[in-house]
Every structure is written in structure tokens, then in C-alpha cells.
Amino acid sequence: MGRKRGIRKMIIAIIVIVCFLGSILIFFSIPYSKTKAEFISARNILLKDTANGSGIFKEEDIADLPSPVQEYFHHCGYINTPKMNSMKAVYKNVKFIFGKGKPATIIDYIQYNVANEPARIAYIDSSMRGIPFEGLDSFISGSGSMKGVLAKLFTLFNQTGETMDKASLVTFLSECLIIPNVALQDYIAWENVDDLHARATITYYGKNASGIFSFKENGELLSFSTDDREAVSTDGKSEKIRWSVVFSDYREKDGIRQPSGFQAVWHYDDGDLVYFDGKDVMVEYNPKLF
């Protein structure tokens, strides 16, 4: 009798475990995500006032820019093409490292930038040991944040504050030549360094940051480097490290040459850490909402 009772308990326990695991799998398979919904809502607000029709890139628009930046506009084919007010960039299967000494993971990353003010928002889609992981990387109204959510419910980190605000501002600056109407805005000031380098300074929301853009002789953008950014770990600790973005693998689309390779690099004293390695990146201007 006791043995039968024990078997029944075991069967019930197995059923409970199976039902629990099944419920988890069903929950993970449901497409709704609070984090993604938050991203879509913020994206829609960000883009709603960015209508088309800012005019055409003309020679007089770039006449006061440093010579290597002017060469970039010519080489990439922007002159006499429509100015863009927003940008969508889609990264697939990016090798991403959360910090020094951390293992690499693979993420999908989709971002939107606008030109009328320094603002961007990005959604990260990945998994950790089979459990969904999402991230929200945003810079809106001068506030920068990076949030990570596990299993659609549990916030692993949510970095905010002045350090994130400045990091987000300088990240936006690093991307200004990928959405080149940004490079012409009053909130960015340019200085000539030499035939292959130019300094840009962005000032907005009472903050400023600057960095050096490096170019090939043919006008291709090679990299952006700055000392105005701190490496912030998932536990909130920060460290001031030189930071770079490397641009590569230029491809032509609709007469415009764009880099399709993007790497973000921390230059530690004991070696460089490429923590974001994106390939075959697709860039679209003035994307339509759907």
C-alpha cells in the first residue's frame, strides 16, 4: 500500500514538473514582450515628427566642413541626393561581449536614429542558455539608458545616470556620418585636423563630447575614437577607457556607398576588446512605420 502511494506521489510530481516546464515553454513562445512593446512605442514617438522632405545635399552644405569629411560626402555619393531625417540599422548575428572577461554571445540588434535632435533607440534580441534575453539601449531627451531583461520578466540591469547620458551622446556622435544629415546640424561643430582626420564636438542637453574621425585617402570613413566615454559594467561600475568604432566593408546601394561592418572597441592597457562585431549591416533611411 505504501509503495503504491509512493508511486502515485512520484507520478504526480512528474506531471507537475512536466506541466511547469510546458508552461515555461509556452510562455517563451508567446510573441508578446513588454520590453519589445516599450521599444516599439518609444520608436514610434521618436519617428512621428521626422517627416521626409529636408531638401537635397548640396555642395554649399558641406563647404565649411573639414576636407576629409567633404571627401566622404563625395565618395559615398550623397551630393545631390535627398537628406534623411531618420535611419534604421539592422544587425544580425552580432558577436557581443558584455564586458572584459565575459563570454561572447550572439545578438540581433535593431536601431533607429533621428537627425532633428540627438536621439536613438535600439532593441537587443538574444538568449542565455536557451532563456530569452532582451535589451533596450536608448538615448531620448538627453537621458541614456541600457536595460537587460531575462525571460521577459526579470530585469538583470538598468543603467542610467550622467555616465550613461554622456556615453549615449558620444555614441550618437560616432554614428553621425552614417546618417550624414546629422553631421550638418548646428549641434555638431567640426575642426580640421589634417588631410585624413577631423574632430567633431557635439553639444546638446547641457553636455558635450568630442572625438576624431579617421578616413582613407579615397574618402572612406575608417574609424571614430574618443576619450569621452566610460566602460560601464552590468553591475554599474565604470572605467574611463579610450573607445573606438571601426567601419569597414563598404557596399553600394541605390548609388550610396555605406559601410556594412561595424565594430565597437575598448582600448584597455593590456589589449583591445572588440565587444560588438557587426557584419552585413543593413541601413535604411527615412524608414516607414508598420
C-alpha atoms as a PDB file:
ATOM      1  CA  MET A   1       0.000   0.000   0.000  1.00  0.00           C
ATOM      2  CA  GLY A   2       2.808   2.379   0.972  1.00  0.00           C
ATOM      3  CA  ARG A   3       4.661   1.505  -2.229  1.00  0.00           C
ATOM      4  CA  LYS A   4       1.604   2.346  -4.376  1.00  0.00           C
ATOM      5  CA  ARG A   5       1.186   5.622  -2.537  1.00  0.00           C
ATOM      6  CA  GLY A   6       4.831   6.440  -3.209  1.00  0.00           C
ATOM      7  CA  ILE A   7       4.435   5.659  -6.915  1.00  0.00           C
ATOM      8  CA  ARG A   8       1.353   7.895  -7.098  1.00  0.00           C
ATOM      9  CA  LYS A   9       3.266  10.757  -5.490  1.00  0.00           C
ATOM     10  CA  MET A  10       6.109  10.263  -7.931  1.00  0.00           C
ATOM     11  CA  ILE A  11       3.707  10.291 -10.905  1.00  0.00           C
ATOM     12  CA  ILE A  12       2.006  13.430  -9.591  1.00  0.00           C
ATOM     13  CA  ALA A  13       5.391  15.121  -9.093  1.00  0.00           C
ATOM     14  CA  ILE A  14       6.439  14.225 -12.645  1.00  0.00           C
ATOM     15  CA  ILE A  15       3.143  15.567 -14.028  1.00  0.00           C
ATOM     16  CA  VAL A  16       3.576  18.817 -12.054  1.00  0.00           C
ATOM     17  CA  ILE A  17       7.154  19.216 -13.341  1.00  0.00           C
ATOM     18  CA  VAL A  18       6.126  18.494 -16.941  1.00  0.00           C
ATOM     19  CA  CYS A  19       3.243  20.958 -16.700  1.00  0.00           C
ATOM     20  CA  PHE A  20       5.539  23.581 -15.189  1.00  0.00           C
ATOM     21  CA  LEU A  21       8.164  23.132 -17.900  1.00  0.00           C
ATOM     22  CA  GLY A  22       5.441  23.120 -20.537  1.00  0.00           C
ATOM     23  CA  SER A  23       4.058  26.374 -19.164  1.00  0.00           C
ATOM     24  CA  ILE A  24       7.517  27.938 -19.338  1.00  0.00           C
ATOM     25  CA  LEU A  25       7.962  26.818 -22.948  1.00  0.00           C
ATOM     26  CA  ILE A  26       4.532  28.179 -23.862  1.00  0.00           C
ATOM     27  CA  PHE A  27       5.318  31.488 -22.142  1.00  0.00           C
ATOM     28  CA  PHE A  28       8.647  31.807 -24.002  1.00  0.00           C
ATOM     29  CA  SER A  29       6.935  31.021 -27.302  1.00  0.00           C
ATOM     30  CA  ILE A  30       4.345  33.789 -26.900  1.00  0.00           C
ATOM     31  CA  PRO A  31       5.458  36.613 -29.211  1.00  0.00           C
ATOM     32  CA  TYR A  32       4.412  39.420 -26.842  1.00  0.00           C
ATOM     33  CA  SER A  33       7.239  41.050 -24.936  1.00  0.00           C
ATOM     34  CA  LYS A  34       6.909  44.038 -22.603  1.00  0.00           C
ATOM     35  CA  THR A  35      10.449  45.155 -23.485  1.00  0.00           C
ATOM     36  CA  LYS A  36       9.834  44.972 -27.226  1.00  0.00           C
ATOM     37  CA  ALA A  37       6.498  46.770 -26.813  1.00  0.00           C
ATOM     38  CA  GLU A  38       8.338  49.511 -24.911  1.00  0.00           C
ATOM     39  CA  PHE A  39      10.875  49.726 -27.752  1.00  0.00           C
ATOM     40  CA  ILE A  40       8.173  49.974 -30.441  1.00  0.00           C
ATOM     41  CA  SER A  41       6.276  52.649 -28.521  1.00  0.00           C
ATOM     42  CA  ALA A  42       9.424  54.746 -27.994  1.00  0.00           C
ATOM     43  CA  ARG A  43      10.439  54.260 -31.624  1.00  0.00           C
ATOM     44  CA  ASN A  44       7.061  55.453 -32.872  1.00  0.00           C
ATOM     45  CA  ILE A  45       7.211  58.559 -30.695  1.00  0.00           C
ATOM     46  CA  LEU A  46      10.773  59.231 -31.842  1.00  0.00           C
ATOM     47  CA  LEU A  47       9.934  58.954 -35.530  1.00  0.00           C
ATOM     48  CA  LYS A  48       6.481  60.532 -35.635  1.00  0.00           C
ATOM     49  CA  ASP A  49       7.813  64.057 -36.224  1.00  0.00           C
ATOM     50  CA  THR A  50      10.557  63.101 -38.685  1.00  0.00           C
ATOM     51  CA  ALA A  51       8.794  63.633 -41.997  1.00  0.00           C
ATOM     52  CA  ASN A  52      10.585  63.419 -45.321  1.00  0.00           C
ATOM     53  CA  GLY A  53      11.489  66.480 -47.322  1.00  0.00           C
ATOM     54  CA  SER A  54      14.553  68.134 -45.776  1.00  0.00           C
ATOM     55  CA  GLY A  55      15.908  69.017 -49.200  1.00  0.00           C
ATOM     56  CA  ILE A  56      18.926  67.823 -51.154  1.00  0.00           C
ATOM     57  CA  PHE A  57      22.578  67.585 -50.133  1.00  0.00           C
ATOM     58  CA  LYS A  58      24.333  70.427 -51.974  1.00  0.00           C
ATOM     59  CA  GLU A  59      27.954  71.472 -52.281  1.00  0.00           C
ATOM     60  CA  GLU A  60      27.248  74.580 -50.206  1.00  0.00           C
ATOM     61  CA  ASP A  61      26.014  72.371 -47.343  1.00  0.00           C
ATOM     62  CA  ILE A  62      29.442  70.823 -46.907  1.00  0.00           C
ATOM     63  CA  ALA A  63      31.624  73.786 -47.930  1.00  0.00           C
ATOM     64  CA  ASP A  64      32.627  74.596 -44.332  1.00  0.00           C
ATOM     65  CA  LEU A  65      33.299  71.008 -43.280  1.00  0.00           C
ATOM     66  CA  PRO A  66      36.874  69.707 -42.929  1.00  0.00           C
ATOM     67  CA  SER A  67      38.295  68.471 -46.239  1.00  0.00           C
ATOM     68  CA  PRO A  68      38.246  64.725 -45.359  1.00  0.00           C
ATOM     69  CA  VAL A  69      34.571  64.991 -44.361  1.00  0.00           C
ATOM     70  CA  GLN A  70      33.780  66.722 -47.654  1.00  0.00           C
ATOM     71  CA  GLU A  71      35.604  63.926 -49.468  1.00  0.00           C
ATOM     72  CA  TYR A  72      33.499  61.390 -47.569  1.00  0.00           C
ATOM     73  CA  PHE A  73      30.259  63.011 -48.804  1.00  0.00           C
ATOM     74  CA  HIS A  74      31.562  62.921 -52.386  1.00  0.00           C
ATOM     75  CA  HIS A  75      32.990  59.407 -52.271  1.00  0.00           C
ATOM     76  CA  CYS A  76      29.846  57.919 -50.722  1.00  0.00           C
ATOM     77  CA  GLY A  77      27.603  59.616 -53.279  1.00  0.00           C
ATOM     78  CA  TYR A  78      25.468  61.824 -51.029  1.00  0.00           C
ATOM     79  CA  ILE A  79      25.738  65.066 -53.020  1.00  0.00           C
ATOM     80  CA  ASN A  80      22.511  65.782 -54.952  1.00  0.00           C
ATOM     81  CA  THR A  81      20.606  63.066 -53.059  1.00  0.00           C
ATOM     82  CA  PRO A  82      17.749  63.644 -50.555  1.00  0.00           C
ATOM     83  CA  LYS A  83      18.657  64.490 -46.987  1.00  0.00           C
ATOM     84  CA  MET A  84      17.449  61.914 -44.483  1.00  0.00           C
ATOM     85  CA  ASN A  85      15.683  62.673 -41.218  1.00  0.00           C
ATOM     86  CA  SER A  86      15.923  59.218 -39.687  1.00  0.00           C
ATOM     87  CA  MET A  87      17.781  55.944 -40.031  1.00  0.00           C
ATOM     88  CA  LYS A  88      17.112  52.295 -39.332  1.00  0.00           C
ATOM     89  CA  ALA A  89      20.030  49.866 -38.991  1.00  0.00           C
ATOM     90  CA  VAL A  90      19.576  46.103 -38.688  1.00  0.00           C
ATOM     91  CA  TYR A  91      22.352  43.898 -37.308  1.00  0.00           C
ATOM     92  CA  LYS A  92      22.027  40.104 -37.359  1.00  0.00           C
ATOM     93  CA  ASN A  93      24.147  37.540 -35.510  1.00  0.00           C
ATOM     94  CA  VAL A  94      26.397  40.094 -33.833  1.00  0.00           C
ATOM     95  CA  LYS A  95      29.167  38.750 -31.629  1.00  0.00           C
ATOM     96  CA  PHE A  96      28.690  40.694 -28.394  1.00  0.00           C
ATOM     97  CA  ILE A  97      30.634  40.691 -25.119  1.00  0.00           C
ATOM     98  CA  PHE A  98      29.038  42.269 -22.034  1.00  0.00           C
ATOM     99  CA  GLY A  99      32.395  43.223 -20.507  1.00  0.00           C
ATOM    100  CA  LYS A 100      36.033  42.365 -20.028  1.00  0.00           C
ATOM    101  CA  GLY A 101      36.454  38.711 -19.118  1.00  0.00           C
ATOM    102  CA  LYS A 102      32.857  37.855 -20.030  1.00  0.00           C
ATOM    103  CA  PRO A 103      31.952  35.195 -22.628  1.00  0.00           C
ATOM    104  CA  ALA A 104      30.696  36.213 -26.063  1.00  0.00           C
ATOM    105  CA  THR A 105      27.061  35.814 -27.023  1.00  0.00           C
ATOM    106  CA  ILE A 106      25.191  36.267 -30.297  1.00  0.00           C
ATOM    107  CA  ILE A 107      22.586  39.017 -30.548  1.00  0.00           C
ATOM    108  CA  ASP A 108      20.314  40.654 -33.095  1.00  0.00           C
ATOM    109  CA  TYR A 109      20.300  44.448 -32.835  1.00  0.00           C
ATOM    110  CA  ILE A 110      17.936  46.914 -34.487  1.00  0.00           C
ATOM    111  CA  GLN A 111      18.326  50.652 -34.021  1.00  0.00           C
ATOM    112  CA  TYR A 112      16.739  53.946 -35.073  1.00  0.00           C
ATOM    113  CA  ASN A 113      18.431  57.373 -35.108  1.00  0.00           C
ATOM    114  CA  VAL A 114      16.918  60.767 -35.892  1.00  0.00           C
ATOM    115  CA  ALA A 115      18.553  63.974 -37.129  1.00  0.00           C
ATOM    116  CA  ASN A 116      16.474  66.795 -35.655  1.00  0.00           C
ATOM    117  CA  GLU A 117      17.981  66.169 -32.207  1.00  0.00           C
ATOM    118  CA  PRO A 118      20.498  63.708 -30.742  1.00  0.00           C
ATOM    119  CA  ALA A 119      18.312  60.660 -30.117  1.00  0.00           C
ATOM    120  CA  ARG A 120      18.494  56.942 -30.822  1.00  0.00           C
ATOM    121  CA  ILE A 121      16.854  53.737 -29.610  1.00  0.00           C
ATOM    122  CA  ALA A 122      17.828  50.107 -30.110  1.00  0.00           C
ATOM    123  CA  TYR A 123      16.376  46.691 -29.265  1.00  0.00           C
ATOM    124  CA  ILE A 124      18.539  43.653 -28.499  1.00  0.00           C
ATOM    125  CA  ASP A 125      17.210  40.129 -29.014  1.00  0.00           C
ATOM    126  CA  SER A 126      19.224  37.153 -27.773  1.00  0.00           C
ATOM    127  CA  SER A 127      19.211  34.252 -25.336  1.00  0.00           C
ATOM    128  CA  MET A 128      21.263  32.982 -22.413  1.00  0.00           C
ATOM    129  CA  ARG A 129      21.483  29.210 -22.171  1.00  0.00           C
ATOM    130  CA  GLY A 130      18.213  28.919 -24.042  1.00  0.00           C
ATOM    131  CA  ILE A 131      16.418  31.564 -21.971  1.00  0.00           C
ATOM    132  CA  PRO A 132      15.277  34.678 -23.887  1.00  0.00           C
ATOM    133  CA  PHE A 133      17.323  37.798 -23.206  1.00  0.00           C
ATOM    134  CA  GLU A 134      16.289  41.268 -24.376  1.00  0.00           C
ATOM    135  CA  GLY A 135      17.946  44.651 -24.149  1.00  0.00           C
ATOM    136  CA  LEU A 136      16.833  48.229 -24.610  1.00  0.00           C
ATOM    137  CA  ASP A 137      19.535  50.766 -25.468  1.00  0.00           C
ATOM    138  CA  SER A 138      18.094  54.285 -25.584  1.00  0.00           C
ATOM    139  CA  PHE A 139      19.020  57.954 -25.691  1.00  0.00           C
ATOM    140  CA  ILE A 140      15.946  60.156 -25.664  1.00  0.00           C
ATOM    141  CA  SER A 141      15.546  63.740 -24.407  1.00  0.00           C
ATOM    142  CA  GLY A 142      19.107  63.709 -23.110  1.00  0.00           C
ATOM    143  CA  SER A 143      18.718  60.576 -20.969  1.00  0.00           C
ATOM    144  CA  GLY A 144      20.723  57.482 -21.820  1.00  0.00           C
ATOM    145  CA  SER A 145      19.954  54.015 -20.517  1.00  0.00           C
ATOM    146  CA  MET A 146      20.832  50.378 -21.082  1.00  0.00           C
ATOM    147  CA  LYS A 147      18.432  47.745 -19.742  1.00  0.00           C
ATOM    148  CA  GLY A 148      18.740  43.957 -19.853  1.00  0.00           C
ATOM    149  CA  VAL A 149      15.751  41.658 -19.263  1.00  0.00           C
ATOM    150  CA  LEU A 150      15.881  37.862 -18.850  1.00  0.00           C
ATOM    151  CA  ALA A 151      12.954  35.539 -19.574  1.00  0.00           C
ATOM    152  CA  LYS A 152      10.767  38.549 -20.481  1.00  0.00           C
ATOM    153  CA  LEU A 153      10.271  39.308 -16.777  1.00  0.00           C
ATOM    154  CA  PHE A 154      13.468  39.732 -14.804  1.00  0.00           C
ATOM    155  CA  THR A 155      15.482  42.952 -15.132  1.00  0.00           C
ATOM    156  CA  LEU A 156      19.156  41.983 -14.831  1.00  0.00           C
ATOM    157  CA  PHE A 157      20.446  45.555 -15.058  1.00  0.00           C
ATOM    158  CA  ASN A 158      19.166  49.037 -15.836  1.00  0.00           C
ATOM    159  CA  GLN A 159      21.997  51.523 -16.196  1.00  0.00           C
ATOM    160  CA  THR A 160      21.076  55.218 -16.094  1.00  0.00           C
ATOM    161  CA  GLY A 161      22.638  58.459 -14.899  1.00  0.00           C
ATOM    162  CA  GLU A 162      25.149  61.047 -16.097  1.00  0.00           C
ATOM    163  CA  THR A 163      27.727  58.477 -17.213  1.00  0.00           C
ATOM    164  CA  MET A 164      25.172  56.755 -19.438  1.00  0.00           C
ATOM    165  CA  ASP A 165      23.897  60.104 -20.719  1.00  0.00           C
ATOM    166  CA  LYS A 166      27.356  61.083 -21.949  1.00  0.00           C
ATOM    167  CA  ALA A 167      28.112  57.595 -23.289  1.00  0.00           C
ATOM    168  CA  SER A 168      24.895  57.724 -25.316  1.00  0.00           C
ATOM    169  CA  LEU A 169      25.687  61.234 -26.581  1.00  0.00           C
ATOM    170  CA  VAL A 170      29.116  60.180 -27.842  1.00  0.00           C
ATOM    171  CA  THR A 171      27.675  57.000 -29.375  1.00  0.00           C
ATOM    172  CA  PHE A 172      25.233  59.153 -31.325  1.00  0.00           C
ATOM    173  CA  LEU A 173      28.153  61.338 -32.454  1.00  0.00           C
ATOM    174  CA  SER A 174      30.082  58.291 -33.662  1.00  0.00           C
ATOM    175  CA  GLU A 175      27.186  57.422 -35.998  1.00  0.00           C
ATOM    176  CA  CYS A 176      26.657  60.913 -37.425  1.00  0.00           C
ATOM    177  CA  LEU A 177      28.307  60.168 -40.787  1.00  0.00           C
ATOM    178  CA  ILE A 178      26.199  57.036 -41.266  1.00  0.00           C
ATOM    179  CA  ILE A 179      23.135  59.316 -41.185  1.00  0.00           C
ATOM    180  CA  PRO A 180      25.042  62.286 -42.645  1.00  0.00           C
ATOM    181  CA  ASN A 181      22.288  64.874 -42.299  1.00  0.00           C
ATOM    182  CA  VAL A 182      23.222  64.729 -38.602  1.00  0.00           C
ATOM    183  CA  ALA A 183      26.746  65.913 -39.480  1.00  0.00           C
ATOM    184  CA  LEU A 184      25.249  69.164 -40.823  1.00  0.00           C
ATOM    185  CA  GLN A 185      23.216  70.009 -37.719  1.00  0.00           C
ATOM    186  CA  ASP A 186      24.057  73.049 -35.565  1.00  0.00           C
ATOM    187  CA  TYR A 187      24.640  70.868 -32.505  1.00  0.00           C
ATOM    188  CA  ILE A 188      27.804  69.400 -34.115  1.00  0.00           C
ATOM    189  CA  ALA A 189      30.944  71.516 -34.637  1.00  0.00           C
ATOM    190  CA  TRP A 190      33.783  70.368 -36.891  1.00  0.00           C
ATOM    191  CA  GLU A 191      37.519  71.087 -36.787  1.00  0.00           C
ATOM    192  CA  ASN A 192      40.103  70.156 -39.393  1.00  0.00           C
ATOM    193  CA  VAL A 193      42.999  68.064 -38.062  1.00  0.00           C
ATOM    194  CA  ASP A 194      44.764  67.052 -41.279  1.00  0.00           C
ATOM    195  CA  ASP A 195      44.003  65.530 -44.685  1.00  0.00           C
ATOM    196  CA  LEU A 196      42.804  62.249 -43.145  1.00  0.00           C
ATOM    197  CA  HIS A 197      41.404  63.278 -39.757  1.00  0.00           C
ATOM    198  CA  ALA A 198      38.685  65.591 -38.452  1.00  0.00           C
ATOM    199  CA  ARG A 199      37.452  66.367 -34.947  1.00  0.00           C
ATOM    200  CA  ALA A 200      33.747  66.663 -34.178  1.00  0.00           C
ATOM    201  CA  THR A 201      32.170  68.021 -30.993  1.00  0.00           C
ATOM    202  CA  ILE A 202      28.517  67.518 -30.122  1.00  0.00           C
ATOM    203  CA  THR A 203      26.802  69.879 -27.675  1.00  0.00           C
ATOM    204  CA  TYR A 204      23.234  69.311 -26.520  1.00  0.00           C
ATOM    205  CA  TYR A 205      21.213  68.917 -23.329  1.00  0.00           C
ATOM    206  CA  GLY A 206      23.906  70.882 -21.464  1.00  0.00           C
ATOM    207  CA  LYS A 207      26.520  68.219 -22.242  1.00  0.00           C
ATOM    208  CA  ASN A 208      29.268  67.884 -24.816  1.00  0.00           C
ATOM    209  CA  ALA A 209      31.568  65.185 -26.172  1.00  0.00           C
ATOM    210  CA  SER A 210      34.099  65.007 -28.960  1.00  0.00           C
ATOM    211  CA  GLY A 211      36.140  62.541 -30.969  1.00  0.00           C
ATOM    212  CA  ILE A 212      38.323  62.074 -34.026  1.00  0.00           C
ATOM    213  CA  PHE A 213      37.085  60.627 -37.319  1.00  0.00           C
ATOM    214  CA  SER A 214      39.749  58.930 -39.474  1.00  0.00           C
ATOM    215  CA  PHE A 215      39.464  58.461 -43.243  1.00  0.00           C
ATOM    216  CA  LYS A 216      41.190  56.749 -46.150  1.00  0.00           C
ATOM    217  CA  GLU A 217      42.623  58.903 -48.910  1.00  0.00           C
ATOM    218  CA  ASN A 218      39.672  57.970 -51.145  1.00  0.00           C
ATOM    219  CA  GLY A 219      37.213  59.367 -48.586  1.00  0.00           C
ATOM    220  CA  GLU A 220      36.065  56.160 -46.881  1.00  0.00           C
ATOM    221  CA  LEU A 221      35.417  56.551 -43.172  1.00  0.00           C
ATOM    222  CA  LEU A 222      37.696  54.226 -41.220  1.00  0.00           C
ATOM    223  CA  SER A 223      37.029  54.897 -37.547  1.00  0.00           C
ATOM    224  CA  PHE A 224      35.882  57.171 -34.752  1.00  0.00           C
ATOM    225  CA  SER A 225      37.847  57.396 -31.486  1.00  0.00           C
ATOM    226  CA  THR A 226      37.174  59.239 -28.249  1.00  0.00           C
ATOM    227  CA  ASP A 227      38.257  59.549 -24.630  1.00  0.00           C
ATOM    228  CA  ASP A 228      34.831  60.919 -23.672  1.00  0.00           C
ATOM    229  CA  ARG A 229      33.208  57.620 -22.818  1.00  0.00           C
ATOM    230  CA  GLU A 230      33.378  55.248 -19.844  1.00  0.00           C
ATOM    231  CA  ALA A 231      33.062  51.478 -19.911  1.00  0.00           C
ATOM    232  CA  VAL A 232      30.125  50.614 -17.654  1.00  0.00           C
ATOM    233  CA  SER A 233      29.810  47.012 -16.458  1.00  0.00           C
ATOM    234  CA  THR A 234      26.482  45.287 -15.849  1.00  0.00           C
ATOM    235  CA  ASP A 235      26.915  45.901 -12.095  1.00  0.00           C
ATOM    236  CA  GLY A 236      27.133  49.651 -12.685  1.00  0.00           C
ATOM    237  CA  LYS A 237      30.885  50.132 -12.216  1.00  0.00           C
ATOM    238  CA  SER A 238      32.520  52.464 -14.716  1.00  0.00           C
ATOM    239  CA  GLU A 239      36.051  52.949 -16.005  1.00  0.00           C
ATOM    240  CA  LYS A 240      37.327  55.621 -18.366  1.00  0.00           C
ATOM    241  CA  ILE A 241      38.816  53.820 -21.383  1.00  0.00           C
ATOM    242  CA  ARG A 242      39.536  55.003 -24.914  1.00  0.00           C
ATOM    243  CA  TRP A 243      36.703  53.863 -27.183  1.00  0.00           C
ATOM    244  CA  SER A 244      36.528  53.406 -30.954  1.00  0.00           C
ATOM    245  CA  VAL A 245      34.137  52.411 -33.680  1.00  0.00           C
ATOM    246  CA  VAL A 246      35.658  50.790 -36.776  1.00  0.00           C
ATOM    247  CA  PHE A 247      33.809  50.981 -40.119  1.00  0.00           C
ATOM    248  CA  SER A 248      34.518  48.525 -42.949  1.00  0.00           C
ATOM    249  CA  ASP A 249      33.235  46.514 -45.923  1.00  0.00           C
ATOM    250  CA  TYR A 250      31.687  49.337 -47.967  1.00  0.00           C
ATOM    251  CA  ARG A 251      28.849  48.387 -50.274  1.00  0.00           C
ATOM    252  CA  GLU A 252      26.798  50.376 -52.758  1.00  0.00           C
ATOM    253  CA  LYS A 253      23.014  50.595 -52.529  1.00  0.00           C
ATOM    254  CA  ASP A 254      20.921  52.933 -54.693  1.00  0.00           C
ATOM    255  CA  GLY A 255      24.064  54.848 -55.599  1.00  0.00           C
ATOM    256  CA  ILE A 256      25.126  55.366 -51.953  1.00  0.00           C
ATOM    257  CA  ARG A 257      28.232  53.690 -50.531  1.00  0.00           C
ATOM    258  CA  GLN A 258      27.810  52.604 -46.924  1.00  0.00           C
ATOM    259  CA  PRO A 259      29.907  50.526 -44.530  1.00  0.00           C
ATOM    260  CA  SER A 260      28.308  47.192 -43.663  1.00  0.00           C
ATOM    261  CA  GLY A 261      30.844  46.237 -40.983  1.00  0.00           C
ATOM    262  CA  PHE A 262      30.774  47.941 -37.576  1.00  0.00           C
ATOM    263  CA  GLN A 263      32.993  47.101 -34.617  1.00  0.00           C
ATOM    264  CA  ALA A 264      32.960  48.773 -31.197  1.00  0.00           C
ATOM    265  CA  VAL A 265      36.271  48.538 -29.340  1.00  0.00           C
ATOM    266  CA  TRP A 266      37.532  49.291 -25.826  1.00  0.00           C
ATOM    267  CA  HIS A 267      41.265  50.030 -25.824  1.00  0.00           C
ATOM    268  CA  TYR A 268      42.423  48.613 -22.488  1.00  0.00           C
ATOM    269  CA  ASP A 269      46.073  48.922 -21.424  1.00  0.00           C
ATOM    270  CA  ASP A 270      46.516  45.161 -21.738  1.00  0.00           C
ATOM    271  CA  GLY A 271      44.867  44.879 -25.154  1.00  0.00           C
ATOM    272  CA  ASP A 272      41.859  45.819 -27.252  1.00  0.00           C
ATOM    273  CA  LEU A 273      38.437  44.328 -26.605  1.00  0.00           C
ATOM    274  CA  VAL A 274      36.159  44.144 -29.657  1.00  0.00           C
ATOM    275  CA  TYR A 275      32.890  43.788 -27.767  1.00  0.00           C
ATOM    276  CA  PHE A 276      30.491  44.445 -30.664  1.00  0.00           C
ATOM    277  CA  ASP A 277      31.215  42.892 -34.058  1.00  0.00           C
ATOM    278  CA  GLY A 278      28.510  43.504 -36.648  1.00  0.00           C
ATOM    279  CA  LYS A 279      28.674  42.304 -40.251  1.00  0.00           C
ATOM    280  CA  ASP A 280      26.329  42.649 -43.250  1.00  0.00           C
ATOM    281  CA  VAL A 281      24.535  45.537 -41.555  1.00  0.00           C
ATOM    282  CA  MET A 282      21.529  46.897 -43.459  1.00  0.00           C
ATOM    283  CA  VAL A 283      20.953  50.675 -43.275  1.00  0.00           C
ATOM    284  CA  GLU A 284      17.692  52.289 -44.404  1.00  0.00           C
ATOM    285  CA  TYR A 285      16.888  55.996 -44.459  1.00  0.00           C
ATOM    286  CA  ASN A 286      13.512  57.508 -43.525  1.00  0.00           C
ATOM    287  CA  PRO A 287      12.064  54.090 -42.629  1.00  0.00           C
ATOM    288  CA  LYS A 288       8.301  53.754 -42.653  1.00  0.00           C
ATOM    289  CA  LEU A 289       6.488  52.662 -39.500  1.00  0.00           C
ATOM    290  CA  PHE A 290       4.417  49.482 -39.673  1.00  0.00           C
END
